[in-house]
C-alpha cells in the first residue's frame, strides 16, 4: 500500500490510467499472433509500427474503369451426395 501510494494519488489527481498502455499491449499480442509465420522479424516489427504507430498511409486506388462490380451472390448450397456448390 505504501509503495504505490504516490502513484495512486497522482493517477487520481491527473485523471490518468493505464488504459492506453493496455490497449497497445493487446494490439501487440494480436499482431504477434497474426505474424506467426513471418520469416523475417523486421516484417513483424514493421507491421507493429504500422498498427500501433498511428501512421495512416494513403493506399493507391484503381481508376474507376478497372474496379470490379461487387454484386453479392445468393447463398451457396451444397447438393446432397455431390462435392460441388451451387451459386
PDB file of N, CA and C in Angstrom:
ATOM      1  N   UNK A   1       0.828  -1.187   0.000  1.00  0.00           N
ATOM      2  CA  UNK A   1       0.000   0.000   0.000  1.00  0.00           C
ATOM      3  C   UNK A   1       0.877   1.257   0.000  1.00  0.00           C
ATOM      4  N   UNK A   2       1.855   1.288   0.852  1.00  0.00           N
ATOM      5  CA  UNK A   2       2.690   2.485   0.969  1.00  0.00           C
ATOM      6  C   UNK A   2       3.600   2.669  -0.240  1.00  0.00           C
ATOM      7  N   UNK A   3       3.978   1.548  -0.881  1.00  0.00           N
ATOM      8  CA  UNK A   3       4.867   1.654  -2.041  1.00  0.00           C
ATOM      9  C   UNK A   3       4.178   2.350  -3.206  1.00  0.00           C
ATOM     10  N   UNK A   4       2.916   2.134  -3.378  1.00  0.00           N
ATOM     11  CA  UNK A   4       2.199   2.664  -4.537  1.00  0.00           C
ATOM     12  C   UNK A   4       1.329   3.880  -4.234  1.00  0.00           C
ATOM     13  N   UNK A   5       1.404   4.386  -3.033  1.00  0.00           N
ATOM     14  CA  UNK A   5       0.545   5.493  -2.625  1.00  0.00           C
ATOM     15  C   UNK A   5       0.720   6.719  -3.502  1.00  0.00           C
ATOM     16  N   UNK A   6       1.949   7.108  -3.781  1.00  0.00           N
ATOM     17  CA  UNK A   6       2.204   8.295  -4.615  1.00  0.00           C
ATOM     18  C   UNK A   6       1.656   8.105  -6.023  1.00  0.00           C
ATOM     19  N   UNK A   7       1.813   6.906  -6.576  1.00  0.00           N
ATOM     20  CA  UNK A   7       1.285   6.632  -7.912  1.00  0.00           C
ATOM     21  C   UNK A   7      -0.230   6.683  -7.959  1.00  0.00           C
ATOM     22  N   UNK A   8      -0.876   6.176  -6.915  1.00  0.00           N
ATOM     23  CA  UNK A   8      -2.349   6.196  -6.859  1.00  0.00           C
ATOM     24  C   UNK A   8      -2.854   7.620  -6.751  1.00  0.00           C
ATOM     25  N   UNK A   9      -2.236   8.414  -5.882  1.00  0.00           N
ATOM     26  CA  UNK A   9      -2.645   9.812  -5.715  1.00  0.00           C
ATOM     27  C   UNK A   9      -2.454  10.581  -7.018  1.00  0.00           C
ATOM     28  N   UNK A  10      -1.341  10.355  -7.712  1.00  0.00           N
ATOM     29  CA  UNK A  10      -1.072  11.040  -8.983  1.00  0.00           C
ATOM     30  C   UNK A  10      -2.097  10.638 -10.042  1.00  0.00           C
ATOM     31  N   UNK A  11      -2.444   9.365 -10.105  1.00  0.00           N
ATOM     32  CA  UNK A  11      -3.425   8.895 -11.096  1.00  0.00           C
ATOM     33  C   UNK A  11      -4.791   9.509 -10.847  1.00  0.00           C
ATOM     34  N   UNK A  12      -5.186   9.623  -9.587  1.00  0.00           N
ATOM     35  CA  UNK A  12      -6.489  10.218  -9.266  1.00  0.00           C
ATOM     36  C   UNK A  12      -6.469  11.718  -9.513  1.00  0.00           C
ATOM     37  N   UNK A  13      -5.385  12.373  -9.140  1.00  0.00           N
ATOM     38  CA  UNK A  13      -5.295  13.827  -9.283  1.00  0.00           C
ATOM     39  C   UNK A  13      -5.330  14.248 -10.754  1.00  0.00           C
ATOM     40  N   UNK A  14      -4.579  13.551 -11.615  1.00  0.00           N
ATOM     41  CA  UNK A  14      -4.493  13.951 -13.016  1.00  0.00           C
ATOM     42  C   UNK A  14      -5.447  13.168 -13.919  1.00  0.00           C
ATOM     43  N   UNK A  15      -6.254  12.301 -13.321  1.00  0.00           N
ATOM     44  CA  UNK A  15      -7.255  11.521 -14.060  1.00  0.00           C
ATOM     45  C   UNK A  15      -6.618  10.746 -15.222  1.00  0.00           C
ATOM     46  N   UNK A  16      -5.574  10.004 -14.909  1.00  0.00           N
ATOM     47  CA  UNK A  16      -4.931   9.173 -15.914  1.00  0.00           C
ATOM     48  C   UNK A  16      -5.022   7.722 -15.481  1.00  0.00           C
ATOM     49  N   UNK A  17      -4.929   6.854 -16.460  1.00  0.00           N
ATOM     50  CA  UNK A  17      -4.968   5.436 -16.162  1.00  0.00           C
ATOM     51  C   UNK A  17      -4.063   4.690 -17.117  1.00  0.00           C
ATOM     52  N   UNK A  18      -4.120   3.382 -17.050  1.00  0.00           N
ATOM     53  CA  UNK A  18      -3.257   2.584 -17.908  1.00  0.00           C
ATOM     54  C   UNK A  18      -4.033   1.979 -19.074  1.00  0.00           C
ATOM     55  N   UNK A  19      -5.175   2.533 -19.409  1.00  0.00           N
ATOM     56  CA  UNK A  19      -5.995   2.009 -20.494  1.00  0.00           C
ATOM     57  C   UNK A  19      -5.296   2.035 -21.843  1.00  0.00           C
ATOM     58  N   UNK A  20      -4.618   3.118 -22.151  1.00  0.00           N
ATOM     59  CA  UNK A  20      -3.910   3.213 -23.439  1.00  0.00           C
ATOM     60  C   UNK A  20      -2.781   2.205 -23.523  1.00  0.00           C
ATOM     61  N   UNK A  21      -2.061   2.042 -22.435  1.00  0.00           N
ATOM     62  CA  UNK A  21      -0.956   1.078 -22.423  1.00  0.00           C
ATOM     63  C   UNK A  21      -1.496  -0.331 -22.619  1.00  0.00           C
ATOM     64  N   UNK A  22      -2.591  -0.662 -21.950  1.00  0.00           N
ATOM     65  CA  UNK A  22      -3.190  -1.991 -22.085  1.00  0.00           C
ATOM     66  C   UNK A  22      -3.716  -2.209 -23.502  1.00  0.00           C
ATOM     67  N   UNK A  23      -4.272  -1.162 -24.128  1.00  0.00           N
ATOM     68  CA  UNK A  23      -4.776  -1.291 -25.495  1.00  0.00           C
ATOM     69  C   UNK A  23      -3.633  -1.566 -26.475  1.00  0.00           C
ATOM     70  N   UNK A  24      -2.537  -0.854 -26.321  1.00  0.00           N
ATOM     71  CA  UNK A  24      -1.384  -1.083 -27.195  1.00  0.00           C
ATOM     72  C   UNK A  24      -0.795  -2.461 -26.952  1.00  0.00           C
ATOM     73  N   UNK A  25      -0.744  -2.879 -25.695  1.00  0.00           N
ATOM     74  CA  UNK A  25      -0.240  -4.203 -25.357  1.00  0.00           C
ATOM     75  C   UNK A  25      -1.089  -5.288 -26.019  1.00  0.00           C
ATOM     76  N   UNK A  26      -2.407  -5.102 -26.011  1.00  0.00           N
ATOM     77  CA  UNK A  26      -3.303  -6.063 -26.647  1.00  0.00           C
ATOM     78  C   UNK A  26      -3.094  -6.092 -28.158  1.00  0.00           C
ATOM     79  N   UNK A  27      -2.917  -4.918 -28.788  1.00  0.00           N
ATOM     80  CA  UNK A  27      -2.657  -4.862 -30.221  1.00  0.00           C
ATOM     81  C   UNK A  27      -1.362  -5.583 -30.579  1.00  0.00           C
ATOM     82  N   UNK A  28      -0.347  -5.412 -29.740  1.00  0.00           N
ATOM     83  CA  UNK A  28       0.934  -6.073 -29.984  1.00  0.00           C
ATOM     84  C   UNK A  28       0.765  -7.582 -29.911  1.00  0.00           C
ATOM     85  N   UNK A  29       0.062  -8.073 -28.898  1.00  0.00           N
ATOM     86  CA  UNK A  29      -0.147  -9.514 -28.754  1.00  0.00           C
ATOM     87  C   UNK A  29      -0.897 -10.093 -29.943  1.00  0.00           C
ATOM     88  N   UNK A  30      -1.945  -9.413 -30.385  1.00  0.00           N
ATOM     89  CA  UNK A  30      -2.738  -9.895 -31.527  1.00  0.00           C
ATOM     90  C   UNK A  30      -1.901  -9.875 -32.801  1.00  0.00           C
ATOM     91  N   UNK A  31      -1.115  -8.830 -32.995  1.00  0.00           N
ATOM     92  CA  UNK A  31      -0.286  -8.718 -34.192  1.00  0.00           C
ATOM     93  C   UNK A  31       0.797  -9.788 -34.216  1.00  0.00           C
ATOM     94  N   UNK A  32       1.381 -10.072 -33.061  1.00  0.00           N
ATOM     95  CA  UNK A  32       2.404 -11.118 -32.998  1.00  0.00           C
ATOM     96  C   UNK A  32       1.786 -12.470 -33.342  1.00  0.00           C
ATOM     97  N   UNK A  33       0.560 -12.717 -32.880  1.00  0.00           N
ATOM     98  CA  UNK A  33      -0.126 -13.963 -33.249  1.00  0.00           C
ATOM     99  C   UNK A  33      -0.414 -14.009 -34.744  1.00  0.00           C
ATOM    100  N   UNK A  34      -0.803 -12.858 -35.310  1.00  0.00           N
ATOM    101  CA  UNK A  34      -1.064 -12.799 -36.758  1.00  0.00           C
ATOM    102  C   UNK A  34       0.200 -13.049 -37.559  1.00  0.00           C
ATOM    103  N   UNK A  35       1.310 -12.521 -37.097  1.00  0.00           N
ATOM    104  CA  UNK A  35       2.566 -12.608 -37.836  1.00  0.00           C
ATOM    105  C   UNK A  35       3.388 -13.821 -37.478  1.00  0.00           C
ATOM    106  N   UNK A  36       2.770 -14.852 -36.974  1.00  0.00           N
ATOM    107  CA  UNK A  36       3.497 -16.039 -36.533  1.00  0.00           C
ATOM    108  C   UNK A  36       4.332 -16.653 -37.649  1.00  0.00           C
ATOM    109  N   UNK A  37       3.844 -16.642 -38.884  1.00  0.00           N
ATOM    110  CA  UNK A  37       4.551 -17.283 -39.980  1.00  0.00           C
ATOM    111  C   UNK A  37       5.569 -16.411 -40.684  1.00  0.00           C
ATOM    112  N   UNK A  38       5.798 -15.195 -40.207  1.00  0.00           N
ATOM    113  CA  UNK A  38       6.767 -14.321 -40.862  1.00  0.00           C
ATOM    114  C   UNK A  38       8.160 -14.934 -40.778  1.00  0.00           C
ATOM    115  N   UNK A  39       8.873 -14.897 -41.888  1.00  0.00           N
ATOM    116  CA  UNK A  39      10.228 -15.440 -41.909  1.00  0.00           C
ATOM    117  C   UNK A  39      11.249 -14.418 -41.445  1.00  0.00           C
ATOM    118  N   UNK A  40      10.876 -13.151 -41.486  1.00  0.00           N
ATOM    119  CA  UNK A  40      11.795 -12.084 -41.128  1.00  0.00           C
ATOM    120  C   UNK A  40      11.179 -11.256 -40.000  1.00  0.00           C
ATOM    121  N   UNK A  41      11.918 -11.065 -38.928  1.00  0.00           N
ATOM    122  CA  UNK A  41      11.417 -10.317 -37.782  1.00  0.00           C
ATOM    123  C   UNK A  41      11.189  -8.847 -38.142  1.00  0.00           C
ATOM    124  N   UNK A  42      11.970  -8.338 -39.079  1.00  0.00           N
ATOM    125  CA  UNK A  42      11.802  -6.941 -39.486  1.00  0.00           C
ATOM    126  C   UNK A  42      10.405  -6.684 -40.042  1.00  0.00           C
ATOM    127  N   UNK A  43       9.841  -7.671 -40.748  1.00  0.00           N
ATOM    128  CA  UNK A  43       8.488  -7.512 -41.277  1.00  0.00           C
ATOM    129  C   UNK A  43       7.464  -7.432 -40.150  1.00  0.00           C
ATOM    130  N   UNK A  44       7.663  -8.215 -39.099  1.00  0.00           N
ATOM    131  CA  UNK A  44       6.765  -8.158 -37.945  1.00  0.00           C
ATOM    132  C   UNK A  44       6.876  -6.813 -37.237  1.00  0.00           C
ATOM    133  N   UNK A  45       8.082  -6.313 -37.087  1.00  0.00           N
ATOM    134  CA  UNK A  45       8.281  -5.014 -36.444  1.00  0.00           C
ATOM    135  C   UNK A  45       7.631  -3.915 -37.282  1.00  0.00           C
ATOM    136  N   UNK A  46       7.757  -4.004 -38.602  1.00  0.00           N
ATOM    137  CA  UNK A  46       7.132  -3.012 -39.485  1.00  0.00           C
ATOM    138  C   UNK A  46       5.610  -3.052 -39.355  1.00  0.00           C
ATOM    139  N   UNK A  47       5.045  -4.251 -39.254  1.00  0.00           N
ATOM    140  CA  UNK A  47       3.596  -4.381 -39.078  1.00  0.00           C
ATOM    141  C   UNK A  47       3.161  -3.808 -37.737  1.00  0.00           C
ATOM    142  N   UNK A  48       3.939  -4.042 -36.696  1.00  0.00           N
ATOM    143  CA  UNK A  48       3.628  -3.471 -35.384  1.00  0.00           C
ATOM    144  C   UNK A  48       3.669  -1.949 -35.419  1.00  0.00           C
ATOM    145  N   UNK A  49       4.675  -1.395 -36.085  1.00  0.00           N
ATOM    146  CA  UNK A  49       4.775   0.060 -36.185  1.00  0.00           C
ATOM    147  C   UNK A  49       3.600   0.644 -36.963  1.00  0.00           C
ATOM    148  N   UNK A  50       3.165  -0.075 -37.980  1.00  0.00           N
ATOM    149  CA  UNK A  50       2.032   0.391 -38.774  1.00  0.00           C
ATOM    150  C   UNK A  50       0.746   0.358 -37.963  1.00  0.00           C
ATOM    151  N   UNK A  51       0.526  -0.706 -37.191  1.00  0.00           N
ATOM    152  CA  UNK A  51      -0.709  -0.846 -36.425  1.00  0.00           C
ATOM    153  C   UNK A  51      -0.737   0.027 -35.184  1.00  0.00           C
ATOM    154  N   UNK A  52       0.391   0.194 -34.512  1.00  0.00           N
ATOM    155  CA  UNK A  52       0.410   0.898 -33.230  1.00  0.00           C
ATOM    156  C   UNK A  52       0.994   2.301 -33.313  1.00  0.00           C
ATOM    157  N   UNK A  53       1.590   2.648 -34.429  1.00  0.00           N
ATOM    158  CA  UNK A  53       2.276   3.922 -34.528  1.00  0.00           C
ATOM    159  C   UNK A  53       1.388   5.111 -34.817  1.00  0.00           C
ATOM    160  N   UNK A  54       0.190   4.894 -35.272  1.00  0.00           N
ATOM    161  CA  UNK A  54      -0.707   5.995 -35.571  1.00  0.00           C
ATOM    162  C   UNK A  54      -0.554   6.547 -36.976  1.00  0.00           C
ATOM    163  N   UNK A  55       0.337   5.975 -37.764  1.00  0.00           N
ATOM    164  CA  UNK A  55       0.538   6.421 -39.140  1.00  0.00           C
ATOM    165  C   UNK A  55      -0.552   5.816 -40.028  1.00  0.00           C
ATOM    166  N   UNK A  56      -1.192   6.623 -40.825  1.00  0.00           N
ATOM    167  CA  UNK A  56      -2.254   6.160 -41.724  1.00  0.00           C
ATOM    168  C   UNK A  56      -1.860   6.473 -43.170  1.00  0.00           C
ATOM    169  N   UNK A  57      -1.069   5.609 -43.806  1.00  0.00           N
ATOM    170  CA  UNK A  57      -0.648   5.904 -45.178  1.00  0.00           C
ATOM    171  C   UNK A  57      -1.819   5.802 -46.147  1.00  0.00           C
ATOM    172  N   UNK A  58      -1.803   6.642 -47.170  1.00  0.00           N
ATOM    173  CA  UNK A  58      -2.847   6.610 -48.193  1.00  0.00           C
ATOM    174  C   UNK A  58      -2.581   5.439 -49.127  1.00  0.00           C
ATOM    175  N   UNK A  59      -3.586   4.619 -49.328  1.00  0.00           N
ATOM    176  CA  UNK A  59      -3.447   3.475 -50.211  1.00  0.00           C
ATOM    177  C   UNK A  59      -3.793   3.883 -51.633  1.00  0.00           C
ATOM    178  N   UNK A  60      -3.107   3.333 -52.617  1.00  0.00           N
ATOM    179  CA  UNK A  60      -3.424   3.688 -54.003  1.00  0.00           C
ATOM    180  C   UNK A  60      -4.782   3.116 -54.406  1.00  0.00           C
ATOM    181  N   UNK A  61      -5.500   3.860 -55.223  1.00  0.00           N
ATOM    182  CA  UNK A  61      -6.801   3.414 -55.708  1.00  0.00           C
ATOM    183  C   UNK A  61      -6.720   3.135 -57.192  1.00  0.00           C
ATOM    184  N   UNK A  62      -7.479   2.151 -57.638  1.00  0.00           N
ATOM    185  CA  UNK A  62      -7.551   1.867 -59.069  1.00  0.00           C
ATOM    186  C   UNK A  62      -8.507   2.854 -59.722  1.00  0.00           C
ATOM    187  N   UNK A  63      -8.257   3.185 -60.985  1.00  0.00           N
ATOM    188  CA  UNK A  63      -9.208   4.052 -61.695  1.00  0.00           C
ATOM    189  C   UNK A  63     -10.578   3.394 -61.783  1.00  0.00           C
ATOM    190  N   UNK A  64     -11.603   4.197 -62.001  1.00  0.00           N
ATOM    191  CA  UNK A  64     -12.986   3.710 -61.986  1.00  0.00           C
ATOM    192  C   UNK A  64     -13.218   2.595 -63.006  1.00  0.00           C
ATOM    193  N   UNK A  65     -12.544   2.630 -64.166  1.00  0.00           N
ATOM    194  CA  UNK A  65     -12.758   1.612 -65.195  1.00  0.00           C
ATOM    195  C   UNK A  65     -12.301   0.231 -64.744  1.00  0.00           C
ATOM    196  N   UNK A  66     -11.256   0.188 -63.926  1.00  0.00           N
ATOM    197  CA  UNK A  66     -10.681  -1.091 -63.520  1.00  0.00           C
ATOM    198  C   UNK A  66     -11.387  -1.725 -62.333  1.00  0.00           C
ATOM    199  N   UNK A  67     -12.233  -0.986 -61.649  1.00  0.00           N
ATOM    200  CA  UNK A  67     -12.917  -1.540 -60.484  1.00  0.00           C
ATOM    201  C   UNK A  67     -13.913  -2.598 -60.920  1.00  0.00           C
ATOM    202  N   UNK A  68     -13.942  -3.652 -60.159  1.00  0.00           N
ATOM    203  CA  UNK A  68     -14.876  -4.721 -60.459  1.00  0.00           C
ATOM    204  C   UNK A  68     -16.166  -4.492 -59.688  1.00  0.00           C
ATOM    205  N   UNK A  69     -17.249  -4.904 -60.283  1.00  0.00           N
ATOM    206  CA  UNK A  69     -18.544  -4.800 -59.625  1.00  0.00           C
ATOM    207  C   UNK A  69     -18.595  -5.840 -58.509  1.00  0.00           C
ATOM    208  N   UNK A  70     -19.021  -5.453 -57.346  1.00  0.00           N
ATOM    209  CA  UNK A  70     -19.038  -6.378 -56.225  1.00  0.00           C
ATOM    210  C   UNK A  70     -20.474  -6.753 -55.865  1.00  0.00           C
ATOM    211  N   UNK A  71     -21.149  -7.413 -56.788  1.00  0.00           N
ATOM    212  CA  UNK A  71     -22.501  -7.868 -56.505  1.00  0.00           C
ATOM    213  C   UNK A  71     -22.430  -9.069 -55.580  1.00  0.00           C
ATOM    214  N   UNK A  72     -23.307  -9.091 -54.625  1.00  0.00           N
ATOM    215  CA  UNK A  72     -23.338 -10.220 -53.720  1.00  0.00           C
ATOM    216  C   UNK A  72     -24.135 -11.345 -54.338  1.00  0.00           C
ATOM    217  N   UNK A  73     -23.587 -12.520 -54.267  1.00  0.00           N
ATOM    218  CA  UNK A  73     -24.300 -13.676 -54.788  1.00  0.00           C
ATOM    219  C   UNK A  73     -25.224 -14.224 -53.721  1.00  0.00           C
ATOM    220  N   UNK A  74     -26.143 -15.033 -54.164  1.00  0.00           N
ATOM    221  CA  UNK A  74     -27.055 -15.678 -53.228  1.00  0.00           C
ATOM    222  C   UNK A  74     -26.328 -16.683 -52.360  1.00  0.00           C
ATOM    223  N   UNK A  75     -27.039 -17.234 -51.429  1.00  0.00           N
ATOM    224  CA  UNK A  75     -26.451 -18.192 -50.511  1.00  0.00           C
ATOM    225  C   UNK A  75     -26.063 -19.450 -51.263  1.00  0.00           C
ATOM    226  N   UNK A  76     -24.861 -19.939 -51.031  1.00  0.00           N
ATOM    227  CA  UNK A  76     -24.412 -21.143 -51.707  1.00  0.00           C
ATOM    228  C   UNK A  76     -24.914 -22.363 -50.943  1.00  0.00           C
ATOM    229  N   UNK A  77     -25.445 -23.304 -51.670  1.00  0.00           N
ATOM    230  CA  UNK A  77     -25.924 -24.528 -51.043  1.00  0.00           C
ATOM    231  C   UNK A  77     -25.194 -25.703 -51.664  1.00  0.00           C
ATOM    232  N   UNK A  78     -25.101 -26.777 -50.928  1.00  0.00           N
ATOM    233  CA  UNK A  78     -24.389 -27.948 -51.407  1.00  0.00           C
ATOM    234  C   UNK A  78     -25.388 -29.038 -51.749  1.00  0.00           C
ATOM    235  N   UNK A  79     -25.239 -29.588 -52.959  1.00  0.00           N
ATOM    236  CA  UNK A  79     -26.111 -30.700 -53.349  1.00  0.00           C
ATOM    237  C   UNK A  79     -25.792 -31.920 -52.511  1.00  0.00           C
ATOM    238  N   UNK A  80     -26.812 -32.670 -52.186  1.00  0.00           N
ATOM    239  CA  UNK A  80     -26.577 -33.894 -51.427  1.00  0.00           C
ATOM    240  C   UNK A  80     -25.848 -34.905 -52.302  1.00  0.00           C
ATOM    241  N   UNK A  81     -24.836 -35.504 -51.755  1.00  0.00           N
ATOM    242  CA  UNK A  81     -24.106 -36.539 -52.473  1.00  0.00           C
ATOM    243  C   UNK A  81     -23.025 -36.020 -53.396  1.00  0.00           C
ATOM    244  N   UNK A  82     -23.056 -34.747 -53.757  1.00  0.00           N
ATOM    245  CA  UNK A  82     -22.006 -34.238 -54.640  1.00  0.00           C
ATOM    246  C   UNK A  82     -21.095 -33.323 -53.842  1.00  0.00           C
ATOM    247  N   UNK A  83     -19.932 -33.098 -54.343  1.00  0.00           N
ATOM    248  CA  UNK A  83     -18.975 -32.254 -53.638  1.00  0.00           C
ATOM    249  C   UNK A  83     -18.934 -30.841 -54.185  1.00  0.00           C
ATOM    250  N   UNK A  84     -19.915 -30.442 -54.972  1.00  0.00           N
ATOM    251  CA  UNK A  84     -19.843 -29.112 -55.570  1.00  0.00           C
ATOM    252  C   UNK A  84     -20.906 -28.187 -54.976  1.00  0.00           C
ATOM    253  N   UNK A  85     -20.588 -26.914 -55.008  1.00  0.00           N
ATOM    254  CA  UNK A  85     -21.515 -25.907 -54.533  1.00  0.00           C
ATOM    255  C   UNK A  85     -22.276 -25.323 -55.717  1.00  0.00           C
ATOM    256  N   UNK A  86     -23.487 -24.934 -55.475  1.00  0.00           N
ATOM    257  CA  UNK A  86     -24.277 -24.236 -56.485  1.00  0.00           C
ATOM    258  C   UNK A  86     -24.303 -22.763 -56.150  1.00  0.00           C
ATOM    259  N   UNK A  87     -24.145 -21.892 -57.152  1.00  0.00           N
ATOM    260  CA  UNK A  87     -24.092 -20.469 -56.890  1.00  0.00           C
ATOM    261  C   UNK A  87     -25.388 -19.783 -57.065  1.00  0.00           C
TER     262      UNK A  87
END
